[in-house]
PDB file of N, CA and C in Angstrom:
ATOM      1  N   MET A   1       0.826  -1.279  -0.046  1.00  0.00           N
ATOM      2  CA  MET A   1      -0.016   0.078   0.039  1.00  0.00           C
ATOM      3  C   MET A   1       1.036   1.140  -0.055  1.00  0.00           C
ATOM      4  N   LEU A   2       0.441   2.214  -0.763  1.00  0.00           N
ATOM      5  CA  LEU A   2       1.388   3.530  -0.918  1.00  0.00           C
ATOM      6  C   LEU A   2       0.624   4.431  -0.017  1.00  0.00           C
ATOM      7  N   ILE A   3       1.291   5.061   0.976  1.00  0.00           N
ATOM      8  CA  ILE A   3       0.575   5.924   1.822  1.00  0.00           C
ATOM      9  C   ILE A   3       1.105   7.357   1.204  1.00  0.00           C
ATOM     10  N   ILE A   4       0.181   8.238   1.404  1.00  0.00           N
ATOM     11  CA  ILE A   4       0.409   9.535   0.753  1.00  0.00           C
ATOM     12  C   ILE A   4      -0.348  10.521   1.830  1.00  0.00           C
ATOM     13  N   THR A   5       0.728  11.581   2.209  1.00  0.00           N
ATOM     14  CA  THR A   5      -0.083  12.607   3.022  1.00  0.00           C
ATOM     15  C   THR A   5      -0.259  14.005   2.053  1.00  0.00           C
ATOM     16  N   ARG A   6      -1.681  14.391   2.025  1.00  0.00           N
ATOM     17  CA  ARG A   6      -2.170  15.391   1.405  1.00  0.00           C
ATOM     18  C   ARG A   6      -2.833  16.407   2.217  1.00  0.00           C
ATOM     19  N   ARG A   7      -3.109  17.578   1.699  1.00  0.00           N
ATOM     20  CA  ARG A   7      -3.853  18.539   2.622  1.00  0.00           C
ATOM     21  C   ARG A   7      -5.087  19.057   1.705  1.00  0.00           C
ATOM     22  N   PRO A   8      -5.900  19.632   2.283  1.00  0.00           N
ATOM     23  CA  PRO A   8      -6.962  20.059   1.288  1.00  0.00           C
ATOM     24  C   PRO A   8      -6.767  20.825   0.195  1.00  0.00           C
ATOM     25  N   ASP A   9      -7.263  20.643  -0.983  1.00  0.00           N
ATOM     26  CA  ASP A   9      -7.026  21.191  -2.288  1.00  0.00           C
ATOM     27  C   ASP A   9      -5.737  20.329  -2.933  1.00  0.00           C
ATOM     28  N   GLN A  10      -5.182  19.469  -2.396  1.00  0.00           N
ATOM     29  CA  GLN A  10      -4.100  18.683  -2.868  1.00  0.00           C
ATOM     30  C   GLN A  10      -4.722  17.572  -3.722  1.00  0.00           C
ATOM     31  N   LYS A  11      -3.901  17.050  -4.673  1.00  0.00           N
ATOM     32  CA  LYS A  11      -4.474  15.998  -5.521  1.00  0.00           C
ATOM     33  C   LYS A  11      -3.363  14.811  -5.415  1.00  0.00           C
ATOM     34  N   VAL A  12      -3.930  13.673  -5.949  1.00  0.00           N
ATOM     35  CA  VAL A  12      -3.288  12.536  -6.163  1.00  0.00           C
ATOM     36  C   VAL A  12      -3.638  12.062  -7.598  1.00  0.00           C
ATOM     37  N   MET A  13      -2.588  11.769  -8.356  1.00  0.00           N
ATOM     38  CA  MET A  13      -3.070  11.226  -9.934  1.00  0.00           C
ATOM     39  C   MET A  13      -2.909   9.731  -9.695  1.00  0.00           C
ATOM     40  N   ILE A  14      -3.694   9.055 -10.530  1.00  0.00           N
ATOM     41  CA  ILE A  14      -3.715   7.460 -10.631  1.00  0.00           C
ATOM     42  C   ILE A  14      -3.896   7.223 -12.184  1.00  0.00           C
ATOM     43  N   GLY A  15      -2.381   6.854 -12.632  1.00  0.00           N
ATOM     44  CA  GLY A  15      -2.363   6.836 -14.089  1.00  0.00           C
ATOM     45  C   GLY A  15      -2.589   8.254 -14.706  1.00  0.00           C
ATOM     46  N   ASP A  16      -3.214   8.289 -16.004  1.00  0.00           N
ATOM     47  CA  ASP A  16      -3.259   9.428 -16.675  1.00  0.00           C
ATOM     48  C   ASP A  16      -4.780  10.178 -16.498  1.00  0.00           C
ATOM     49  N   ASP A  17      -5.736   9.407 -16.054  1.00  0.00           N
ATOM     50  CA  ASP A  17      -6.994   9.695 -16.119  1.00  0.00           C
ATOM     51  C   ASP A  17      -7.815   9.898 -14.979  1.00  0.00           C
ATOM     52  N   VAL A  18      -7.205   9.469 -13.682  1.00  0.00           N
ATOM     53  CA  VAL A  18      -7.896   9.288 -12.491  1.00  0.00           C
ATOM     54  C   VAL A  18      -7.330  10.440 -11.547  1.00  0.00           C
ATOM     55  N   VAL A  19      -7.996  11.331 -11.155  1.00  0.00           N
ATOM     56  CA  VAL A  19      -7.478  12.462 -10.161  1.00  0.00           C
ATOM     57  C   VAL A  19      -8.340  12.211  -8.631  1.00  0.00           C
ATOM     58  N   VAL A  20      -7.613  12.174  -7.673  1.00  0.00           N
ATOM     59  CA  VAL A  20      -8.160  12.206  -6.436  1.00  0.00           C
ATOM     60  C   VAL A  20      -7.948  13.393  -5.652  1.00  0.00           C
ATOM     61  N   GLU A  21      -8.865  14.349  -5.337  1.00  0.00           N
ATOM     62  CA  GLU A  21      -8.560  15.544  -4.436  1.00  0.00           C
ATOM     63  C   GLU A  21      -9.257  15.590  -3.147  1.00  0.00           C
ATOM     64  N   VAL A  22      -8.351  15.868  -2.207  1.00  0.00           N
ATOM     65  CA  VAL A  22      -8.786  16.031  -0.705  1.00  0.00           C
ATOM     66  C   VAL A  22      -9.618  17.356  -0.752  1.00  0.00           C
ATOM     67  N   LEU A  23     -10.850  17.288  -0.640  1.00  0.00           N
ATOM     68  CA  LEU A  23     -11.737  18.624  -0.663  1.00  0.00           C
ATOM     69  C   LEU A  23     -11.742  19.357   0.694  1.00  0.00           C
ATOM     70  N   GLU A  24     -11.874  18.348   1.828  1.00  0.00           N
ATOM     71  CA  GLU A  24     -12.134  19.049   2.877  1.00  0.00           C
ATOM     72  C   GLU A  24     -11.867  17.879   4.172  1.00  0.00           C
ATOM     73  N   ILE A  25     -11.169  18.466   5.362  1.00  0.00           N
ATOM     74  CA  ILE A  25     -10.778  17.583   6.319  1.00  0.00           C
ATOM     75  C   ILE A  25     -11.692  18.317   7.485  1.00  0.00           C
ATOM     76  N   VAL A  26     -12.669  17.580   8.197  1.00  0.00           N
ATOM     77  CA  VAL A  26     -13.435  17.951   9.477  1.00  0.00           C
ATOM     78  C   VAL A  26     -13.344  16.987  10.452  1.00  0.00           C
ATOM     79  N   GLY A  27     -12.447  17.214  11.431  1.00  0.00           N
ATOM     80  CA  GLY A  27     -12.488  16.086  12.501  1.00  0.00           C
ATOM     81  C   GLY A  27     -11.719  15.021  12.140  1.00  0.00           C
ATOM     82  N   ASN A  28     -12.479  13.740  12.192  1.00  0.00           N
ATOM     83  CA  ASN A  28     -11.885  12.590  11.648  1.00  0.00           C
ATOM     84  C   ASN A  28     -12.357  12.141  10.296  1.00  0.00           C
ATOM     85  N   GLN A  29     -13.001  13.045   9.639  1.00  0.00           N
ATOM     86  CA  GLN A  29     -13.616  12.645   8.163  1.00  0.00           C
ATOM     87  C   GLN A  29     -12.800  13.572   7.171  1.00  0.00           C
ATOM     88  N   VAL A  30     -12.277  12.803   6.135  1.00  0.00           N
ATOM     89  CA  VAL A  30     -11.804  13.433   5.049  1.00  0.00           C
ATOM     90  C   VAL A  30     -12.800  13.325   3.677  1.00  0.00           C
ATOM     91  N   ARG A  31     -13.131  14.565   3.183  1.00  0.00           N
ATOM     92  CA  ARG A  31     -13.952  14.502   1.695  1.00  0.00           C
ATOM     93  C   ARG A  31     -13.080  14.403   0.600  1.00  0.00           C
ATOM     94  N   LEU A  32     -13.333  13.458  -0.094  1.00  0.00           N
ATOM     95  CA  LEU A  32     -12.522  13.280  -1.265  1.00  0.00           C
ATOM     96  C   LEU A  32     -13.320  13.419  -2.464  1.00  0.00           C
ATOM     97  N   GLY A  33     -12.786  14.095  -3.785  1.00  0.00           N
ATOM     98  CA  GLY A  33     -13.363  14.179  -5.002  1.00  0.00           C
ATOM     99  C   GLY A  33     -12.581  13.275  -5.911  1.00  0.00           C
ATOM    100  N   VAL A  34     -13.370  12.515  -6.713  1.00  0.00           N
ATOM    101  CA  VAL A  34     -12.802  11.452  -7.648  1.00  0.00           C
ATOM    102  C   VAL A  34     -13.052  12.032  -8.994  1.00  0.00           C
ATOM    103  N   GLN A  35     -12.088  12.117 -10.031  1.00  0.00           N
ATOM    104  CA  GLN A  35     -12.469  12.526 -11.460  1.00  0.00           C
ATOM    105  C   GLN A  35     -11.912  11.198 -12.170  1.00  0.00           C
ATOM    106  N   ALA A  36     -12.736  10.726 -12.843  1.00  0.00           N
ATOM    107  CA  ALA A  36     -12.434   9.368 -13.704  1.00  0.00           C
ATOM    108  C   ALA A  36     -13.183   9.468 -14.760  1.00  0.00           C
ATOM    109  N   PRO A  37     -12.672   8.729 -15.943  1.00  0.00           N
ATOM    110  CA  PRO A  37     -13.560   8.560 -17.152  1.00  0.00           C
ATOM    111  C   PRO A  37     -14.826   7.706 -16.691  1.00  0.00           C
ATOM    112  N   GLN A  38     -15.810   8.020 -17.446  1.00  0.00           N
ATOM    113  CA  GLN A  38     -16.988   7.173 -17.222  1.00  0.00           C
ATOM    114  C   GLN A  38     -16.739   5.650 -17.410  1.00  0.00           C
ATOM    115  N   SER A  39     -15.766   5.121 -17.975  1.00  0.00           N
ATOM    116  CA  SER A  39     -15.513   3.770 -18.142  1.00  0.00           C
ATOM    117  C   SER A  39     -15.010   3.080 -16.897  1.00  0.00           C
ATOM    118  N   ILE A  40     -14.568   3.772 -16.170  1.00  0.00           N
ATOM    119  CA  ILE A  40     -14.180   3.621 -14.941  1.00  0.00           C
ATOM    120  C   ILE A  40     -15.102   3.557 -13.670  1.00  0.00           C
ATOM    121  N   ARG A  41     -15.587   2.532 -13.078  1.00  0.00           N
ATOM    122  CA  ARG A  41     -16.685   2.648 -11.978  1.00  0.00           C
ATOM    123  C   ARG A  41     -15.986   2.927 -10.639  1.00  0.00           C
ATOM    124  N   VAL A  42     -16.486   3.776 -10.037  1.00  0.00           N
ATOM    125  CA  VAL A  42     -16.047   4.338  -8.754  1.00  0.00           C
ATOM    126  C   VAL A  42     -16.976   4.075  -7.696  1.00  0.00           C
ATOM    127  N   PHE A  43     -16.791   3.410  -6.533  1.00  0.00           N
ATOM    128  CA  PHE A  43     -17.652   2.964  -5.479  1.00  0.00           C
ATOM    129  C   PHE A  43     -16.867   3.191  -4.406  1.00  0.00           C
ATOM    130  N   ARG A  44     -17.737   3.506  -3.154  1.00  0.00           N
ATOM    131  CA  ARG A  44     -17.318   3.419  -1.877  1.00  0.00           C
ATOM    132  C   ARG A  44     -17.059   1.694  -1.662  1.00  0.00           C
ATOM    133  N   GLU A  45     -16.035   1.592  -0.669  1.00  0.00           N
ATOM    134  CA  GLU A  45     -15.756   0.091  -0.501  1.00  0.00           C
ATOM    135  C   GLU A  45     -16.950  -0.512  -0.114  1.00  0.00           C
ATOM    136  N   GLU A  46     -17.881  -0.211   0.848  1.00  0.00           N
ATOM    137  CA  GLU A  46     -19.021  -0.748   1.308  1.00  0.00           C
ATOM    138  C   GLU A  46     -19.957  -1.186   0.400  1.00  0.00           C
ATOM    139  N   ILE A  47     -20.394   0.006  -0.624  1.00  0.00           N
ATOM    140  CA  ILE A  47     -21.172  -0.381  -1.858  1.00  0.00           C
ATOM    141  C   ILE A  47     -20.673  -1.424  -2.773  1.00  0.00           C
ATOM    142  N   TRP A  48     -19.224  -1.421  -3.071  1.00  0.00           N
ATOM    143  CA  TRP A  48     -18.676  -2.382  -3.981  1.00  0.00           C
ATOM    144  C   TRP A  48     -18.857  -3.784  -3.234  1.00  0.00           C
ATOM    145  N   LEU A  49     -18.674  -3.796  -2.007  1.00  0.00           N
ATOM    146  CA  LEU A  49     -18.542  -5.162  -1.229  1.00  0.00           C
ATOM    147  C   LEU A  49     -20.094  -5.892  -1.425  1.00  0.00           C
ATOM    148  N   ALA A  50     -21.158  -4.910  -1.052  1.00  0.00           N
ATOM    149  CA  ALA A  50     -22.461  -5.155  -1.230  1.00  0.00           C
ATOM    150  C   ALA A  50     -22.788  -5.683  -2.699  1.00  0.00           C
ATOM    151  N   VAL A  51     -22.496  -4.991  -3.701  1.00  0.00           N
ATOM    152  CA  VAL A  51     -22.884  -5.202  -5.111  1.00  0.00           C
ATOM    153  C   VAL A  51     -22.092  -6.781  -5.363  1.00  0.00           C
ATOM    154  N   LYS A  52     -20.964  -6.980  -4.936  1.00  0.00           N
ATOM    155  CA  LYS A  52     -20.183  -8.043  -5.289  1.00  0.00           C
ATOM    156  C   LYS A  52     -21.021  -9.280  -4.643  1.00  0.00           C
ATOM    157  N   GLU A  53     -21.371  -9.050  -3.385  1.00  0.00           N
ATOM    158  CA  GLU A  53     -22.011 -10.165  -2.709  1.00  0.00           C
ATOM    159  C   GLU A  53     -23.402 -10.310  -3.371  1.00  0.00           C
ATOM    160  N   GLU A  54     -24.095  -9.570  -3.619  1.00  0.00           N
ATOM    161  CA  GLU A  54     -25.264  -9.680  -4.444  1.00  0.00           C
ATOM    162  C   GLU A  54     -25.071 -10.334  -5.760  1.00  0.00           C
ATOM    163  N   ASN A  55     -24.031 -10.154  -6.389  1.00  0.00           N
ATOM    164  CA  ASN A  55     -23.907 -10.849  -7.680  1.00  0.00           C
ATOM    165  C   ASN A  55     -23.385 -12.084  -7.471  1.00  0.00           C
ATOM    166  N   ARG A  56     -22.607 -12.475  -6.327  1.00  0.00           N
ATOM    167  CA  ARG A  56     -22.460 -13.775  -6.053  1.00  0.00           C
ATOM    168  C   ARG A  56     -23.601 -14.670  -5.705  1.00  0.00           C
ATOM    169  N   ALA A  57     -24.488 -14.017  -4.785  1.00  0.00           N
ATOM    170  CA  ALA A  57     -25.711 -14.688  -4.513  1.00  0.00           C
ATOM    171  C   ALA A  57     -26.478 -15.068  -5.755  1.00  0.00           C
ATOM    172  N   ALA A  58     -26.734 -14.001  -6.570  1.00  0.00           N
ATOM    173  CA  ALA A  58     -27.338 -14.278  -7.753  1.00  0.00           C
ATOM    174  C   ALA A  58     -26.946 -15.331  -8.794  1.00  0.00           C
ATOM    175  N   ALA A  59     -25.808 -15.489  -8.922  1.00  0.00           N
ATOM    176  CA  ALA A  59     -24.837 -16.545  -9.636  1.00  0.00           C
ATOM    177  C   ALA A  59     -25.211 -17.824  -9.105  1.00  0.00           C
ATOM    178  N   GLN A  60     -25.288 -17.956  -7.750  1.00  0.00           N
ATOM    179  CA  GLN A  60     -25.398 -19.370  -7.150  1.00  0.00           C
ATOM    180  C   GLN A  60     -26.995 -19.664  -7.283  1.00  0.00           C
ATOM    181  N   ASP A  61     -27.913 -18.749  -7.475  1.00  0.00           N
ATOM    182  CA  ASP A  61     -29.423 -18.940  -7.579  1.00  0.00           C
ATOM    183  C   ASP A  61     -29.671 -19.262  -8.921  1.00  0.00           C
ATOM    184  N   ALA A  62     -28.777 -18.787  -9.907  1.00  0.00           N
ATOM    185  CA  ALA A  62     -29.264 -18.812 -11.225  1.00  0.00           C
ATOM    186  C   ALA A  62     -29.408 -20.345 -11.741  1.00  0.00           C
ATOM    187  N   PRO A  63     -30.522 -20.576 -12.609  1.00  0.00           N
ATOM    188  CA  PRO A  63     -30.660 -21.984 -12.961  1.00  0.00           C
ATOM    189  C   PRO A  63     -29.421 -22.432 -13.859  1.00  0.00           C
ATOM    190  N   GLN A  64     -29.212 -23.903 -13.810  1.00  0.00           N
ATOM    191  CA  GLN A  64     -28.294 -24.460 -14.472  1.00  0.00           C
ATOM    192  C   GLN A  64     -28.393 -24.494 -15.982  1.00  0.00           C
ATOM    193  N   THR A  65     -29.776 -24.611 -16.521  1.00  0.00           N
ATOM    194  CA  THR A  65     -30.165 -24.642 -17.645  1.00  0.00           C
ATOM    195  C   THR A  65     -31.250 -23.681 -18.003  1.00  0.00           C
ATOM    196  N   LEU A  66     -31.378 -23.133 -19.223  1.00  0.00           N
ATOM    197  CA  LEU A  66     -32.164 -22.064 -19.679  1.00  0.00           C
ATOM    198  C   LEU A  66     -33.573 -22.671 -20.112  1.00  0.00           C
ATOM    199  N   PRO A  67     -34.723 -22.181 -19.654  1.00  0.00           N
ATOM    200  CA  PRO A  67     -35.986 -22.730 -20.127  1.00  0.00           C
ATOM    201  C   PRO A  67     -36.265 -22.698 -21.677  1.00  0.00           C
ATOM    202  N   ALA A  68     -36.869 -23.655 -22.309  1.00  0.00           N
ATOM    203  CA  ALA A  68     -37.236 -23.626 -23.665  1.00  0.00           C
ATOM    204  C   ALA A  68     -37.955 -22.278 -24.043  1.00  0.00           C
ATOM    205  N   PRO A  69     -37.892 -21.685 -25.232  1.00  0.00           N
ATOM    206  CA  PRO A  69     -38.810 -20.480 -25.497  1.00  0.00           C
ATOM    207  C   PRO A  69     -40.187 -20.965 -25.380  1.00  0.00           C
ATOM    208  N   ALA A  70     -41.128 -20.173 -25.393  1.00  0.00           N
ATOM    209  CA  ALA A  70     -42.364 -20.468 -25.231  1.00  0.00           C
ATOM    210  C   ALA A  70     -43.084 -20.866 -26.727  1.00  0.00           C
ATOM    211  N   GLY A  71     -43.734 -21.832 -26.845  1.00  0.00           N
ATOM    212  CA  GLY A  71     -44.181 -22.134 -28.298  1.00  0.00           C
ATOM    213  C   GLY A  71     -43.116 -23.029 -29.182  1.00  0.00           C
ATOM    214  N   ALA A  72     -41.989 -23.315 -28.574  1.00  0.00           N
ATOM    215  CA  ALA A  72     -41.047 -24.135 -29.242  1.00  0.00           C
ATOM    216  C   ALA A  72     -41.596 -25.656 -29.262  1.00  0.00           C
ATOM    217  N   ALA A  73     -41.495 -26.025 -30.467  1.00  0.00           N
ATOM    218  CA  ALA A  73     -41.767 -27.589 -30.674  1.00  0.00           C
ATOM    219  C   ALA A  73     -40.642 -28.495 -29.993  1.00  0.00           C
ATOM    220  N   GLY A  74     -41.264 -29.584 -29.410  1.00  0.00           N
ATOM    221  CA  GLY A  74     -40.014 -30.278 -28.988  1.00  0.00           C
ATOM    222  C   GLY A  74     -40.565 -31.565 -28.322  1.00  0.00           C
TER     223      GLY A  74
END
C-alpha cells in the first residue's frame, strides 16, 4: 500500500485519467473528490462489497439450464 500525505485542495494522480482530490478535512472525516472517465466505475468500499455479494448470490441462484422458449416444438 502506498501512503501519501495530502492537505485540502491537493491531489493524487492515478494513471493519466484518474484524479483524487482532498476537498475537506473536518475532525476525523476526509471528503475526497474523484475524477475518472465514465468507463471506470468508482464505488465506496461498502457499496462495492454489497454489489459483489449480491452478484455472487445471484450467480448461485441462477438456473443451470435455460428454459425452452414459449411455443417451441419439442
